[in-house]
Amino acid sequence: MAGGEEGQVISCHTVEQWNQQLQIANDSKNLMIVDFTASWCGPCRFIAPFLAELAKKLPSVIFVKIDVDELKSVASDWAVEAMPTFMFLKEGKIVDQVVGAKKDELQQTIARHLPSASA
C-alpha cells in the first residue's frame, strides 16, 4: 500500500504502539488526533466511519484510536473521562479537545489547526 499508514485511523492495542505513534507525531510535528473510544460506546461507533473519511481526506494528520478499556493507563494519563474524546496533539502537547460524537465541532477544530484544511 502506497504511503504506509497514511490516510487511515491507526488502532493502538499496546502502550508500546501508542508510544511509537506519539513519537512519530512528535518527530513529524504533524497534527495528531487521538480518538479515545470504547467498544460499548454507541456514539463512538457512530462517529468511527466519519473519522475514517477524515483520515482519507487529510493524509498529513495522524489519526489514532485508543480503546479506553484496552489501554486504561493511557486513558488515565490523558485524563479521559467521557467517550468519545478527541485529543488534538502537536509535538506531544494537547492543543485542543472535542468531547462527544460531534461531527461539525470535530471538523471545525481540525480546520482551526490546519489553516489549509478543507475538512
PDB file of N, CA and C in Angstrom:
ATOM      1  N   MET A   1       0.847  -1.194   0.000  1.00  0.00           N
ATOM      2  CA  MET A   1       0.000   0.000   0.000  1.00  0.00           C
ATOM      3  C   MET A   1       0.882   1.245   0.000  1.00  0.00           C
ATOM      4  N   ALA A   2       0.671   2.131  -0.928  1.00  0.00           N
ATOM      5  CA  ALA A   2       1.487   3.339  -1.036  1.00  0.00           C
ATOM      6  C   ALA A   2       1.246   4.258   0.162  1.00  0.00           C
ATOM      7  N   GLY A   3       2.316   4.858   0.655  1.00  0.00           N
ATOM      8  CA  GLY A   3       2.177   5.815   1.745  1.00  0.00           C
ATOM      9  C   GLY A   3       2.065   5.200   3.123  1.00  0.00           C
ATOM     10  N   GLY A   4       2.315   3.893   3.249  1.00  0.00           N
ATOM     11  CA  GLY A   4       2.290   3.257   4.565  1.00  0.00           C
ATOM     12  C   GLY A   4       0.944   3.395   5.231  1.00  0.00           C
ATOM     13  N   GLU A   5       0.922   4.039   6.401  1.00  0.00           N
ATOM     14  CA  GLU A   5      -0.319   4.127   7.172  1.00  0.00           C
ATOM     15  C   GLU A   5      -1.035   5.458   6.980  1.00  0.00           C
ATOM     16  N   GLU A   6      -0.629   6.221   5.973  1.00  0.00           N
ATOM     17  CA  GLU A   6      -1.307   7.497   5.717  1.00  0.00           C
ATOM     18  C   GLU A   6      -2.752   7.251   5.299  1.00  0.00           C
ATOM     19  N   GLY A   7      -3.608   8.146   5.708  1.00  0.00           N
ATOM     20  CA  GLY A   7      -4.986   8.070   5.269  1.00  0.00           C
ATOM     21  C   GLY A   7      -5.837   7.043   5.967  1.00  0.00           C
ATOM     22  N   GLN A   8      -5.397   6.590   7.129  1.00  0.00           N
ATOM     23  CA  GLN A   8      -6.230   5.652   7.876  1.00  0.00           C
ATOM     24  C   GLN A   8      -6.119   5.945   9.369  1.00  0.00           C
ATOM     25  N   VAL A   9      -7.075   5.394  10.104  1.00  0.00           N
ATOM     26  CA  VAL A   9      -7.059   5.525  11.564  1.00  0.00           C
ATOM     27  C   VAL A   9      -6.260   4.344  12.116  1.00  0.00           C
ATOM     28  N   ILE A  10      -5.222   4.640  12.852  1.00  0.00           N
ATOM     29  CA  ILE A  10      -4.338   3.605  13.390  1.00  0.00           C
ATOM     30  C   ILE A  10      -4.822   3.214  14.782  1.00  0.00           C
ATOM     31  N   SER A  11      -5.133   1.938  14.966  1.00  0.00           N
ATOM     32  CA  SER A  11      -5.558   1.454  16.281  1.00  0.00           C
ATOM     33  C   SER A  11      -4.337   1.023  17.081  1.00  0.00           C
ATOM     34  N   CYS A  12      -4.215   1.541  18.296  1.00  0.00           N
ATOM     35  CA  CYS A  12      -3.120   1.148  19.184  1.00  0.00           C
ATOM     36  C   CYS A  12      -3.680   0.160  20.210  1.00  0.00           C
ATOM     37  N   HIS A  13      -3.062  -1.009  20.277  1.00  0.00           N
ATOM     38  CA  HIS A  13      -3.545  -2.046  21.197  1.00  0.00           C
ATOM     39  C   HIS A  13      -2.601  -2.272  22.372  1.00  0.00           C
ATOM     40  N   THR A  14      -1.421  -1.648  22.323  1.00  0.00           N
ATOM     41  CA  THR A  14      -0.473  -1.757  23.428  1.00  0.00           C
ATOM     42  C   THR A  14       0.078  -0.366  23.736  1.00  0.00           C
ATOM     43  N   VAL A  15       0.591  -0.211  24.937  1.00  0.00           N
ATOM     44  CA  VAL A  15       1.202   1.065  25.324  1.00  0.00           C
ATOM     45  C   VAL A  15       2.406   1.344  24.421  1.00  0.00           C
ATOM     46  N   GLU A  16       3.115   0.280  24.019  1.00  0.00           N
ATOM     47  CA  GLU A  16       4.283   0.445  23.145  1.00  0.00           C
ATOM     48  C   GLU A  16       3.866   1.032  21.795  1.00  0.00           C
ATOM     49  N   GLN A  17       2.758   0.509  21.230  1.00  0.00           N
ATOM     50  CA  GLN A  17       2.264   1.044  19.955  1.00  0.00           C
ATOM     51  C   GLN A  17       1.896   2.514  20.108  1.00  0.00           C
ATOM     52  N   TRP A  18       1.237   2.843  21.203  1.00  0.00           N
ATOM     53  CA  TRP A  18       0.841   4.223  21.467  1.00  0.00           C
ATOM     54  C   TRP A  18       2.076   5.116  21.561  1.00  0.00           C
ATOM     55  N   ASN A  19       3.076   4.691  22.335  1.00  0.00           N
ATOM     56  CA  ASN A  19       4.299   5.490  22.486  1.00  0.00           C
ATOM     57  C   ASN A  19       4.997   5.681  21.145  1.00  0.00           C
ATOM     58  N   GLN A  20       4.964   4.637  20.312  1.00  0.00           N
ATOM     59  CA  GLN A  20       5.581   4.716  18.986  1.00  0.00           C
ATOM     60  C   GLN A  20       4.853   5.753  18.115  1.00  0.00           C
ATOM     61  N   GLN A  21       3.532   5.736  18.114  1.00  0.00           N
ATOM     62  CA  GLN A  21       2.760   6.707  17.326  1.00  0.00           C
ATOM     63  C   GLN A  21       2.983   8.125  17.834  1.00  0.00           C
ATOM     64  N   LEU A  22       3.042   8.269  19.147  1.00  0.00           N
ATOM     65  CA  LEU A  22       3.280   9.578  19.755  1.00  0.00           C
ATOM     66  C   LEU A  22       4.641  10.112  19.313  1.00  0.00           C
ATOM     67  N   GLN A  23       5.643   9.233  19.287  1.00  0.00           N
ATOM     68  CA  GLN A  23       6.991   9.619  18.871  1.00  0.00           C
ATOM     69  C   GLN A  23       7.008  10.035  17.395  1.00  0.00           C
ATOM     70  N   ILE A  24       6.317   9.271  16.552  1.00  0.00           N
ATOM     71  CA  ILE A  24       6.236   9.591  15.113  1.00  0.00           C
ATOM     72  C   ILE A  24       5.602  10.974  14.930  1.00  0.00           C
ATOM     73  N   ALA A  25       4.521  11.220  15.665  1.00  0.00           N
ATOM     74  CA  ALA A  25       3.829  12.509  15.566  1.00  0.00           C
ATOM     75  C   ALA A  25       4.721  13.645  16.051  1.00  0.00           C
ATOM     76  N   ASN A  26       5.436  13.407  17.150  1.00  0.00           N
ATOM     77  CA  ASN A  26       6.335  14.437  17.681  1.00  0.00           C
ATOM     78  C   ASN A  26       7.431  14.767  16.682  1.00  0.00           C
ATOM     79  N   ASP A  27       8.014  13.721  16.093  1.00  0.00           N
ATOM     80  CA  ASP A  27       9.112  13.912  15.142  1.00  0.00           C
ATOM     81  C   ASP A  27       8.646  14.617  13.878  1.00  0.00           C
ATOM     82  N   SER A  28       7.443  14.287  13.422  1.00  0.00           N
ATOM     83  CA  SER A  28       6.934  14.872  12.168  1.00  0.00           C
ATOM     84  C   SER A  28       6.380  16.273  12.389  1.00  0.00           C
ATOM     85  N   LYS A  29       6.069  16.605  13.645  1.00  0.00           N
ATOM     86  CA  LYS A  29       5.432  17.876  14.005  1.00  0.00           C
ATOM     87  C   LYS A  29       4.046  18.032  13.361  1.00  0.00           C
ATOM     88  N   ASN A  30       3.487  16.920  12.875  1.00  0.00           N
ATOM     89  CA  ASN A  30       2.142  16.948  12.291  1.00  0.00           C
ATOM     90  C   ASN A  30       1.094  16.924  13.397  1.00  0.00           C
ATOM     91  N   LEU A  31      -0.094  17.371  13.043  1.00  0.00           N
ATOM     92  CA  LEU A  31      -1.219  17.295  13.965  1.00  0.00           C
ATOM     93  C   LEU A  31      -1.586  15.828  14.166  1.00  0.00           C
ATOM     94  N   MET A  32      -1.817  15.456  15.413  1.00  0.00           N
ATOM     95  CA  MET A  32      -2.251  14.098  15.734  1.00  0.00           C
ATOM     96  C   MET A  32      -3.603  14.205  16.434  1.00  0.00           C
ATOM     97  N   ILE A  33      -4.561  13.421  15.954  1.00  0.00           N
ATOM     98  CA  ILE A  33      -5.883  13.390  16.587  1.00  0.00           C
ATOM     99  C   ILE A  33      -6.061  12.005  17.184  1.00  0.00           C
ATOM    100  N   VAL A  34      -6.269  11.978  18.500  1.00  0.00           N
ATOM    101  CA  VAL A  34      -6.423  10.711  19.210  1.00  0.00           C
ATOM    102  C   VAL A  34      -7.895  10.541  19.576  1.00  0.00           C
ATOM    103  N   ASP A  35      -8.470   9.446  19.107  1.00  0.00           N
ATOM    104  CA  ASP A  35      -9.859   9.114  19.401  1.00  0.00           C
ATOM    105  C   ASP A  35      -9.856   8.125  20.568  1.00  0.00           C
ATOM    106  N   PHE A  36     -10.240   8.608  21.749  1.00  0.00           N
ATOM    107  CA  PHE A  36     -10.387   7.720  22.904  1.00  0.00           C
ATOM    108  C   PHE A  36     -11.801   7.161  22.836  1.00  0.00           C
ATOM    109  N   THR A  37     -11.896   5.853  22.653  1.00  0.00           N
ATOM    110  CA  THR A  37     -13.163   5.209  22.339  1.00  0.00           C
ATOM    111  C   THR A  37     -13.374   3.999  23.235  1.00  0.00           C
ATOM    112  N   ALA A  38     -14.527   3.358  23.094  1.00  0.00           N
ATOM    113  CA  ALA A  38     -14.807   2.118  23.824  1.00  0.00           C
ATOM    114  C   ALA A  38     -15.756   1.280  22.972  1.00  0.00           C
ATOM    115  N   SER A  39     -15.579  -0.029  23.022  1.00  0.00           N
ATOM    116  CA  SER A  39     -16.388  -0.927  22.182  1.00  0.00           C
ATOM    117  C   SER A  39     -17.876  -0.851  22.536  1.00  0.00           C
ATOM    118  N   TRP A  40     -18.183  -0.541  23.800  1.00  0.00           N
ATOM    119  CA  TRP A  40     -19.583  -0.493  24.251  1.00  0.00           C
ATOM    120  C   TRP A  40     -20.247   0.864  24.025  1.00  0.00           C
ATOM    121  N   CYS A  41     -19.489   1.810  23.476  1.00  0.00           N
ATOM    122  CA  CYS A  41     -19.958   3.201  23.345  1.00  0.00           C
ATOM    123  C   CYS A  41     -20.650   3.411  21.998  1.00  0.00           C
ATOM    124  N   GLY A  42     -21.971   3.596  22.010  1.00  0.00           N
ATOM    125  CA  GLY A  42     -22.744   3.816  20.782  1.00  0.00           C
ATOM    126  C   GLY A  42     -22.273   5.009  19.971  1.00  0.00           C
ATOM    127  N   PRO A  43     -22.139   6.201  20.599  1.00  0.00           N
ATOM    128  CA  PRO A  43     -21.666   7.365  19.845  1.00  0.00           C
ATOM    129  C   PRO A  43     -20.279   7.152  19.219  1.00  0.00           C
ATOM    130  N   CYS A  44     -19.440   6.359  19.880  1.00  0.00           N
ATOM    131  CA  CYS A  44     -18.105   6.054  19.334  1.00  0.00           C
ATOM    132  C   CYS A  44     -18.235   5.283  18.027  1.00  0.00           C
ATOM    133  N   ARG A  45     -19.135   4.307  18.017  1.00  0.00           N
ATOM    134  CA  ARG A  45     -19.358   3.508  16.799  1.00  0.00           C
ATOM    135  C   ARG A  45     -19.966   4.379  15.701  1.00  0.00           C
ATOM    136  N   PHE A  46     -20.814   5.314  16.094  1.00  0.00           N
ATOM    137  CA  PHE A  46     -21.469   6.216  15.152  1.00  0.00           C
ATOM    138  C   PHE A  46     -20.448   7.108  14.439  1.00  0.00           C
ATOM    139  N   ILE A  47     -19.464   7.610  15.170  1.00  0.00           N
ATOM    140  CA  ILE A  47     -18.512   8.580  14.611  1.00  0.00           C
ATOM    141  C   ILE A  47     -17.339   7.907  13.878  1.00  0.00           C
ATOM    142  N   ALA A  48     -17.105   6.620  14.129  1.00  0.00           N
ATOM    143  CA  ALA A  48     -15.932   5.925  13.560  1.00  0.00           C
ATOM    144  C   ALA A  48     -15.833   6.020  12.031  1.00  0.00           C
ATOM    145  N   PRO A  49     -16.914   5.773  11.270  1.00  0.00           N
ATOM    146  CA  PRO A  49     -16.796   5.884   9.807  1.00  0.00           C
ATOM    147  C   PRO A  49     -16.466   7.309   9.357  1.00  0.00           C
ATOM    148  N   PHE A  50     -16.989   8.298  10.080  1.00  0.00           N
ATOM    149  CA  PHE A  50     -16.713   9.707   9.770  1.00  0.00           C
ATOM    150  C   PHE A  50     -15.228  10.000   9.979  1.00  0.00           C
ATOM    151  N   LEU A  51     -14.683   9.471  11.060  1.00  0.00           N
ATOM    152  CA  LEU A  51     -13.255   9.660  11.355  1.00  0.00           C
ATOM    153  C   LEU A  51     -12.397   9.015  10.261  1.00  0.00           C
ATOM    154  N   ALA A  52     -12.815   7.839   9.804  1.00  0.00           N
ATOM    155  CA  ALA A  52     -12.086   7.152   8.729  1.00  0.00           C
ATOM    156  C   ALA A  52     -12.103   7.987   7.446  1.00  0.00           C
ATOM    157  N   GLU A  53     -13.229   8.638   7.161  1.00  0.00           N
ATOM    158  CA  GLU A  53     -13.324   9.520   5.985  1.00  0.00           C
ATOM    159  C   GLU A  53     -12.373  10.710   6.125  1.00  0.00           C
ATOM    160  N   LEU A  54     -12.355  11.310   7.309  1.00  0.00           N
ATOM    161  CA  LEU A  54     -11.448  12.438   7.549  1.00  0.00           C
ATOM    162  C   LEU A  54      -9.994  12.007   7.355  1.00  0.00           C
ATOM    163  N   ALA A  55      -9.664  10.817   7.842  1.00  0.00           N
ATOM    164  CA  ALA A  55      -8.290  10.315   7.718  1.00  0.00           C
ATOM    165  C   ALA A  55      -7.900  10.183   6.247  1.00  0.00           C
ATOM    166  N   LYS A  56      -8.843   9.742   5.407  1.00  0.00           N
ATOM    167  CA  LYS A  56      -8.568   9.627   3.973  1.00  0.00           C
ATOM    168  C   LYS A  56      -8.366  11.003   3.347  1.00  0.00           C
ATOM    169  N   LYS A  57      -9.187  11.978   3.769  1.00  0.00           N
ATOM    170  CA  LYS A  57      -9.124  13.324   3.198  1.00  0.00           C
ATOM    171  C   LYS A  57      -7.885  14.087   3.640  1.00  0.00           C
ATOM    172  N   LEU A  58      -7.382  13.764   4.838  1.00  0.00           N
ATOM    173  CA  LEU A  58      -6.298  14.549   5.440  1.00  0.00           C
ATOM    174  C   LEU A  58      -5.103  13.653   5.764  1.00  0.00           C
ATOM    175  N   PRO A  59      -4.351  13.219   4.745  1.00  0.00           N
ATOM    176  CA  PRO A  59      -3.248  12.287   4.997  1.00  0.00           C
ATOM    177  C   PRO A  59      -2.116  12.880   5.844  1.00  0.00           C
ATOM    178  N   SER A  60      -2.044  14.217   5.942  1.00  0.00           N
ATOM    179  CA  SER A  60      -0.976  14.821   6.752  1.00  0.00           C
ATOM    180  C   SER A  60      -1.279  14.753   8.246  1.00  0.00           C
ATOM    181  N   VAL A  61      -2.545  14.473   8.597  1.00  0.00           N
ATOM    182  CA  VAL A  61      -2.940  14.368  10.002  1.00  0.00           C
ATOM    183  C   VAL A  61      -2.818  12.905  10.425  1.00  0.00           C
ATOM    184  N   ILE A  62      -2.271  12.690  11.617  1.00  0.00           N
ATOM    185  CA  ILE A  62      -2.133  11.335  12.150  1.00  0.00           C
ATOM    186  C   ILE A  62      -3.356  11.050  13.026  1.00  0.00           C
ATOM    187  N   PHE A  63      -4.151  10.073  12.617  1.00  0.00           N
ATOM    188  CA  PHE A  63      -5.349   9.687  13.371  1.00  0.00           C
ATOM    189  C   PHE A  63      -5.061   8.388  14.116  1.00  0.00           C
ATOM    190  N   VAL A  64      -5.268   8.410  15.426  1.00  0.00           N
ATOM    191  CA  VAL A  64      -5.003   7.234  16.254  1.00  0.00           C
ATOM    192  C   VAL A  64      -6.241   6.941  17.092  1.00  0.00           C
ATOM    193  N   LYS A  65      -6.529   5.650  17.258  1.00  0.00           N
ATOM    194  CA  LYS A  65      -7.680   5.227  18.063  1.00  0.00           C
ATOM    195  C   LYS A  65      -7.175   4.435  19.263  1.00  0.00           C
ATOM    196  N   ILE A  66      -7.667   4.801  20.439  1.00  0.00           N
ATOM    197  CA  ILE A  66      -7.316   4.118  21.689  1.00  0.00           C
ATOM    198  C   ILE A  66      -8.604   3.614  22.335  1.00  0.00           C
ATOM    199  N   ASP A  67      -8.671   2.313  22.605  1.00  0.00           N
ATOM    200  CA  ASP A  67      -9.797   1.757  23.357  1.00  0.00           C
ATOM    201  C   ASP A  67      -9.474   1.935  24.842  1.00  0.00           C
ATOM    202  N   VAL A  68     -10.307   2.714  25.533  1.00  0.00           N
ATOM    203  CA  VAL A  68     -10.020   3.055  26.932  1.00  0.00           C
ATOM    204  C   VAL A  68     -10.031   1.835  27.851  1.00  0.00           C
ATOM    205  N   ASP A  69     -10.762   0.783  27.469  1.00  0.00           N
ATOM    206  CA  ASP A  69     -10.781  -0.428  28.287  1.00  0.00           C
ATOM    207  C   ASP A  69      -9.527  -1.270  28.051  1.00  0.00           C
ATOM    208  N   GLU A  70      -9.008  -1.177  26.837  1.00  0.00           N
ATOM    209  CA  GLU A  70      -7.813  -1.933  26.477  1.00  0.00           C
ATOM    210  C   GLU A  70      -6.548  -1.261  27.033  1.00  0.00           C
ATOM    211  N   LEU A  71      -6.523   0.072  26.954  1.00  0.00           N
ATOM    212  CA  LEU A  71      -5.350   0.840  27.410  1.00  0.00           C
ATOM    213  C   LEU A  71      -5.769   1.838  28.493  1.00  0.00           C
ATOM    214  N   LYS A  72      -6.190   1.277  29.628  1.00  0.00           N
ATOM    215  CA  LYS A  72      -6.663   2.117  30.743  1.00  0.00           C
ATOM    216  C   LYS A  72      -5.608   3.122  31.194  1.00  0.00           C
ATOM    217  N   SER A  73      -4.345   2.691  31.214  1.00  0.00           N
ATOM    218  CA  SER A  73      -3.277   3.574  31.704  1.00  0.00           C
ATOM    219  C   SER A  73      -3.120   4.793  30.804  1.00  0.00           C
ATOM    220  N   VAL A  74      -3.251   4.594  29.489  1.00  0.00           N
ATOM    221  CA  VAL A  74      -3.125   5.723  28.556  1.00  0.00           C
ATOM    222  C   VAL A  74      -4.302   6.683  28.757  1.00  0.00           C
ATOM    223  N   ALA A  75      -5.506   6.132  28.870  1.00  0.00           N
ATOM    224  CA  ALA A  75      -6.691   6.963  29.086  1.00  0.00           C
ATOM    225  C   ALA A  75      -6.562   7.772  30.372  1.00  0.00           C
ATOM    226  N   SER A  76      -6.053   7.148  31.430  1.00  0.00           N
ATOM    227  CA  SER A  76      -5.933   7.890  32.694  1.00  0.00           C
ATOM    228  C   SER A  76      -4.783   8.898  32.632  1.00  0.00           C
ATOM    229  N   ASP A  77      -3.702   8.559  31.914  1.00  0.00           N
ATOM    230  CA  ASP A  77      -2.593   9.519  31.746  1.00  0.00           C
ATOM    231  C   ASP A  77      -3.074  10.815  31.096  1.00  0.00           C
ATOM    232  N   TRP A  78      -4.031  10.685  30.181  1.00  0.00           N
ATOM    233  CA  TRP A  78      -4.538  11.848  29.447  1.00  0.00           C
ATOM    234  C   TRP A  78      -5.853  12.356  30.036  1.00  0.00           C
ATOM    235  N   ALA A  79      -6.214  11.854  31.211  1.00  0.00           N
ATOM    236  CA  ALA A  79      -7.393  12.325  31.964  1.00  0.00           C
ATOM    237  C   ALA A  79      -8.681  12.270  31.146  1.00  0.00           C
ATOM    238  N   VAL A  80      -8.876  11.166  30.429  1.00  0.00           N
ATOM    239  CA  VAL A  80     -10.083  10.989  29.622  1.00  0.00           C
ATOM    240  C   VAL A  80     -11.217  10.525  30.539  1.00  0.00           C
ATOM    241  N   GLU A  81     -12.341  11.242  30.487  1.00  0.00           N
ATOM    242  CA  GLU A  81     -13.462  10.933  31.374  1.00  0.00           C
ATOM    243  C   GLU A  81     -14.733  10.561  30.632  1.00  0.00           C
ATOM    244  N   ALA A  82     -14.804  10.846  29.333  1.00  0.00           N
ATOM    245  CA  ALA A  82     -16.015  10.550  28.561  1.00  0.00           C
ATOM    246  C   ALA A  82     -15.607  10.035  27.182  1.00  0.00           C
ATOM    247  N   MET A  83     -16.487   9.241  26.589  1.00  0.00           N
ATOM    248  CA  MET A  83     -16.239   8.718  25.261  1.00  0.00           C
ATOM    249  C   MET A  83     -17.322   9.182  24.297  1.00  0.00           C
ATOM    250  N   PRO A  84     -16.972   9.483  23.047  1.00  0.00           N
ATOM    251  CA  PRO A  84     -15.585   9.598  22.606  1.00  0.00           C
ATOM    252  C   PRO A  84     -14.981  10.940  23.016  1.00  0.00           C
ATOM    253  N   THR A  85     -13.688  10.934  23.270  1.00  0.00           N
ATOM    254  CA  THR A  85     -12.922  12.164  23.466  1.00  0.00           C
ATOM    255  C   THR A  85     -11.871  12.211  22.369  1.00  0.00           C
ATOM    256  N   PHE A  86     -11.802  13.331  21.691  1.00  0.00           N
ATOM    257  CA  PHE A  86     -10.796  13.529  20.647  1.00  0.00           C
ATOM    258  C   PHE A  86      -9.781  14.538  21.157  1.00  0.00           C
ATOM    259  N   MET A  87      -8.539  14.094  21.300  1.00  0.00           N
ATOM    260  CA  MET A  87      -7.461  14.975  21.717  1.00  0.00           C
ATOM    261  C   MET A  87      -6.681  15.394  20.483  1.00  0.00           C
ATOM    262  N   PHE A  88      -6.414  16.664  20.386  1.00  0.00           N
ATOM    263  CA  PHE A  88      -5.610  17.201  19.292  1.00  0.00           C
ATOM    264  C   PHE A  88      -4.232  17.516  19.858  1.00  0.00           C
ATOM    265  N   LEU A  89      -3.224  16.829  19.334  1.00  0.00           N
ATOM    266  CA  LEU A  89      -1.873  16.993  19.860  1.00  0.00           C
ATOM    267  C   LEU A  89      -0.935  17.545  18.798  1.00  0.00           C
ATOM    268  N   LYS A  90      -0.043  18.416  19.234  1.00  0.00           N
ATOM    269  CA  LYS A  90       1.064  18.867  18.399  1.00  0.00           C
ATOM    270  C   LYS A  90       2.309  18.773  19.244  1.00  0.00           C
ATOM    271  N   GLU A  91       3.275  18.013  18.749  1.00  0.00           N
ATOM    272  CA  GLU A  91       4.545  17.808  19.456  1.00  0.00           C
ATOM    273  C   GLU A  91       4.316  17.340  20.891  1.00  0.00           C
ATOM    274  N   GLY A  92       3.342  16.430  21.061  1.00  0.00           N
ATOM    275  CA  GLY A  92       3.093  15.813  22.358  1.00  0.00           C
ATOM    276  C   GLY A  92       2.298  16.641  23.335  1.00  0.00           C
ATOM    277  N   LYS A  93       1.863  17.826  22.917  1.00  0.00           N
ATOM    278  CA  LYS A  93       1.088  18.692  23.808  1.00  0.00           C
ATOM    279  C   LYS A  93      -0.348  18.797  23.301  1.00  0.00           C
ATOM    280  N   ILE A  94      -1.292  18.832  24.240  1.00  0.00           N
ATOM    281  CA  ILE A  94      -2.707  18.979  23.865  1.00  0.00           C
ATOM    282  C   ILE A  94      -2.944  20.416  23.411  1.00  0.00           C
ATOM    283  N   VAL A  95      -3.416  20.569  22.174  1.00  0.00           N
ATOM    284  CA  VAL A  95      -3.724  21.901  21.668  1.00  0.00           C
ATOM    285  C   VAL A  95      -5.233  22.136  21.590  1.00  0.00           C
ATOM    286  N   ASP A  96      -5.995  21.050  21.666  1.00  0.00           N
ATOM    287  CA  ASP A  96      -7.456  21.177  21.628  1.00  0.00           C
ATOM    288  C   ASP A  96      -8.085  19.844  21.998  1.00  0.00           C
ATOM    289  N   GLN A  97      -9.399  19.884  22.196  1.00  0.00           N
ATOM    290  CA  GLN A  97     -10.113  18.674  22.603  1.00  0.00           C
ATOM    291  C   GLN A  97     -11.580  18.816  22.221  1.00  0.00           C
ATOM    292  N   VAL A  98     -12.167  17.725  21.732  1.00  0.00           N
ATOM    293  CA  VAL A  98     -13.606  17.670  21.463  1.00  0.00           C
ATOM    294  C   VAL A  98     -14.137  16.446  22.200  1.00  0.00           C
ATOM    295  N   VAL A  99     -15.169  16.646  23.027  1.00  0.00           N
ATOM    296  CA  VAL A  99     -15.776  15.530  23.752  1.00  0.00           C
ATOM    297  C   VAL A  99     -17.154  15.280  23.167  1.00  0.00           C
ATOM    298  N   GLY A 100     -17.390  14.043  22.759  1.00  0.00           N
ATOM    299  CA  GLY A 100     -18.682  13.679  22.176  1.00  0.00           C
ATOM    300  C   GLY A 100     -18.575  13.461  20.675  1.00  0.00           C
ATOM    301  N   ALA A 101     -19.578  12.787  20.115  1.00  0.00           N
ATOM    302  CA  ALA A 101     -19.597  12.462  18.682  1.00  0.00           C
ATOM    303  C   ALA A 101     -20.163  13.646  17.906  1.00  0.00           C
ATOM    304  N   LYS A 102     -19.405  14.734  17.866  1.00  0.00           N
ATOM    305  CA  LYS A 102     -19.868  15.985  17.254  1.00  0.00           C
ATOM    306  C   LYS A 102     -19.115  16.226  15.960  1.00  0.00           C
ATOM    307  N   LYS A 103     -19.716  15.806  14.848  1.00  0.00           N
ATOM    308  CA  LYS A 103     -19.052  15.904  13.542  1.00  0.00           C
ATOM    309  C   LYS A 103     -18.643  17.343  13.221  1.00  0.00           C
ATOM    310  N   ASP A 104     -19.581  18.287  13.372  1.00  0.00           N
ATOM    311  CA  ASP A 104     -19.294  19.674  12.993  1.00  0.00           C
ATOM    312  C   ASP A 104     -18.165  20.260  13.827  1.00  0.00           C
ATOM    313  N   GLU A 105     -18.242  20.029  15.136  1.00  0.00           N
ATOM    314  CA  GLU A 105     -17.212  20.564  16.025  1.00  0.00           C
ATOM    315  C   GLU A 105     -15.850  19.937  15.714  1.00  0.00           C
ATOM    316  N   LEU A 106     -15.856  18.675  15.385  1.00  0.00           N
ATOM    317  CA  LEU A 106     -14.625  17.969  15.032  1.00  0.00           C
ATOM    318  C   LEU A 106     -14.005  18.590  13.784  1.00  0.00           C
ATOM    319  N   GLN A 107     -14.833  18.808  12.754  1.00  0.00           N
ATOM    320  CA  GLN A 107     -14.343  19.413  11.515  1.00  0.00           C
ATOM    321  C   GLN A 107     -13.828  20.829  11.757  1.00  0.00           C
ATOM    322  N   GLN A 108     -14.563  21.611  12.532  1.00  0.00           N
ATOM    323  CA  GLN A 108     -14.154  22.992  12.802  1.00  0.00           C
ATOM    324  C   GLN A 108     -12.840  23.039  13.570  1.00  0.00           C
ATOM    325  N   THR A 109     -12.680  22.123  14.515  1.00  0.00           N
ATOM    326  CA  THR A 109     -11.453  22.092  15.316  1.00  0.00           C
ATOM    327  C   THR A 109     -10.270  21.692  14.444  1.00  0.00           C
ATOM    328  N   ILE A 110     -10.464  20.726  13.556  1.00  0.00           N
ATOM    329  CA  ILE A 110      -9.386  20.334  12.637  1.00  0.00           C
ATOM    330  C   ILE A 110      -9.013  21.526  11.765  1.00  0.00           C
ATOM    331  N   ALA A 111     -10.013  22.208  11.221  1.00  0.00           N
ATOM    332  CA  ALA A 111      -9.768  23.353  10.342  1.00  0.00           C
ATOM    333  C   ALA A 111      -8.985  24.452  11.072  1.00  0.00           C
ATOM    334  N   ARG A 112      -9.269  24.613  12.358  1.00  0.00           N
ATOM    335  CA  ARG A 112      -8.580  25.632  13.150  1.00  0.00           C
ATOM    336  C   ARG A 112      -7.084  25.337  13.268  1.00  0.00           C
ATOM    337  N   HIS A 113      -6.745  24.049  13.314  1.00  0.00           N
ATOM    338  CA  HIS A 113      -5.352  23.671  13.496  1.00  0.00           C
ATOM    339  C   HIS A 113      -4.628  23.354  12.197  1.00  0.00           C
ATOM    340  N   LEU A 114      -5.369  23.337  11.103  1.00  0.00           N
ATOM    341  CA  LEU A 114      -4.774  23.159   9.783  1.00  0.00           C
ATOM    342  C   LEU A 114      -5.277  24.307   8.904  1.00  0.00           C
ATOM    343  N   PRO A 115      -4.548  25.392   8.845  1.00  0.00           N
ATOM    344  CA  PRO A 115      -5.032  26.574   8.113  1.00  0.00           C
ATOM    345  C   PRO A 115      -5.441  26.255   6.671  1.00  0.00           C
ATOM    346  N   SER A 116      -4.787  25.275   6.044  1.00  0.00           N
ATOM    347  CA  SER A 116      -5.093  24.977   4.646  1.00  0.00           C
ATOM    348  C   SER A 116      -6.108  23.861   4.486  1.00  0.00           C
ATOM    349  N   ALA A 117      -6.628  23.354   5.595  1.00  0.00           N
ATOM    350  CA  ALA A 117      -7.518  22.183   5.530  1.00  0.00           C
ATOM    351  C   ALA A 117      -8.880  22.565   4.984  1.00  0.00           C
ATOM    352  N   SER A 118      -9.404  21.706   4.164  1.00  0.00           N
ATOM    353  CA  SER A 118     -10.771  21.901   3.673  1.00  0.00           C
ATOM    354  C   SER A 118     -11.605  20.726   4.173  1.00  0.00           C
ATOM    355  N   ALA A 119     -11.468  20.443   5.460  1.00  0.00           N
ATOM    356  CA  ALA A 119     -12.168  19.290   6.065  1.00  0.00           C
ATOM    357  C   ALA A 119     -13.649  19.590   6.156  1.00  0.00           C
TER     358      ALA A 119
END
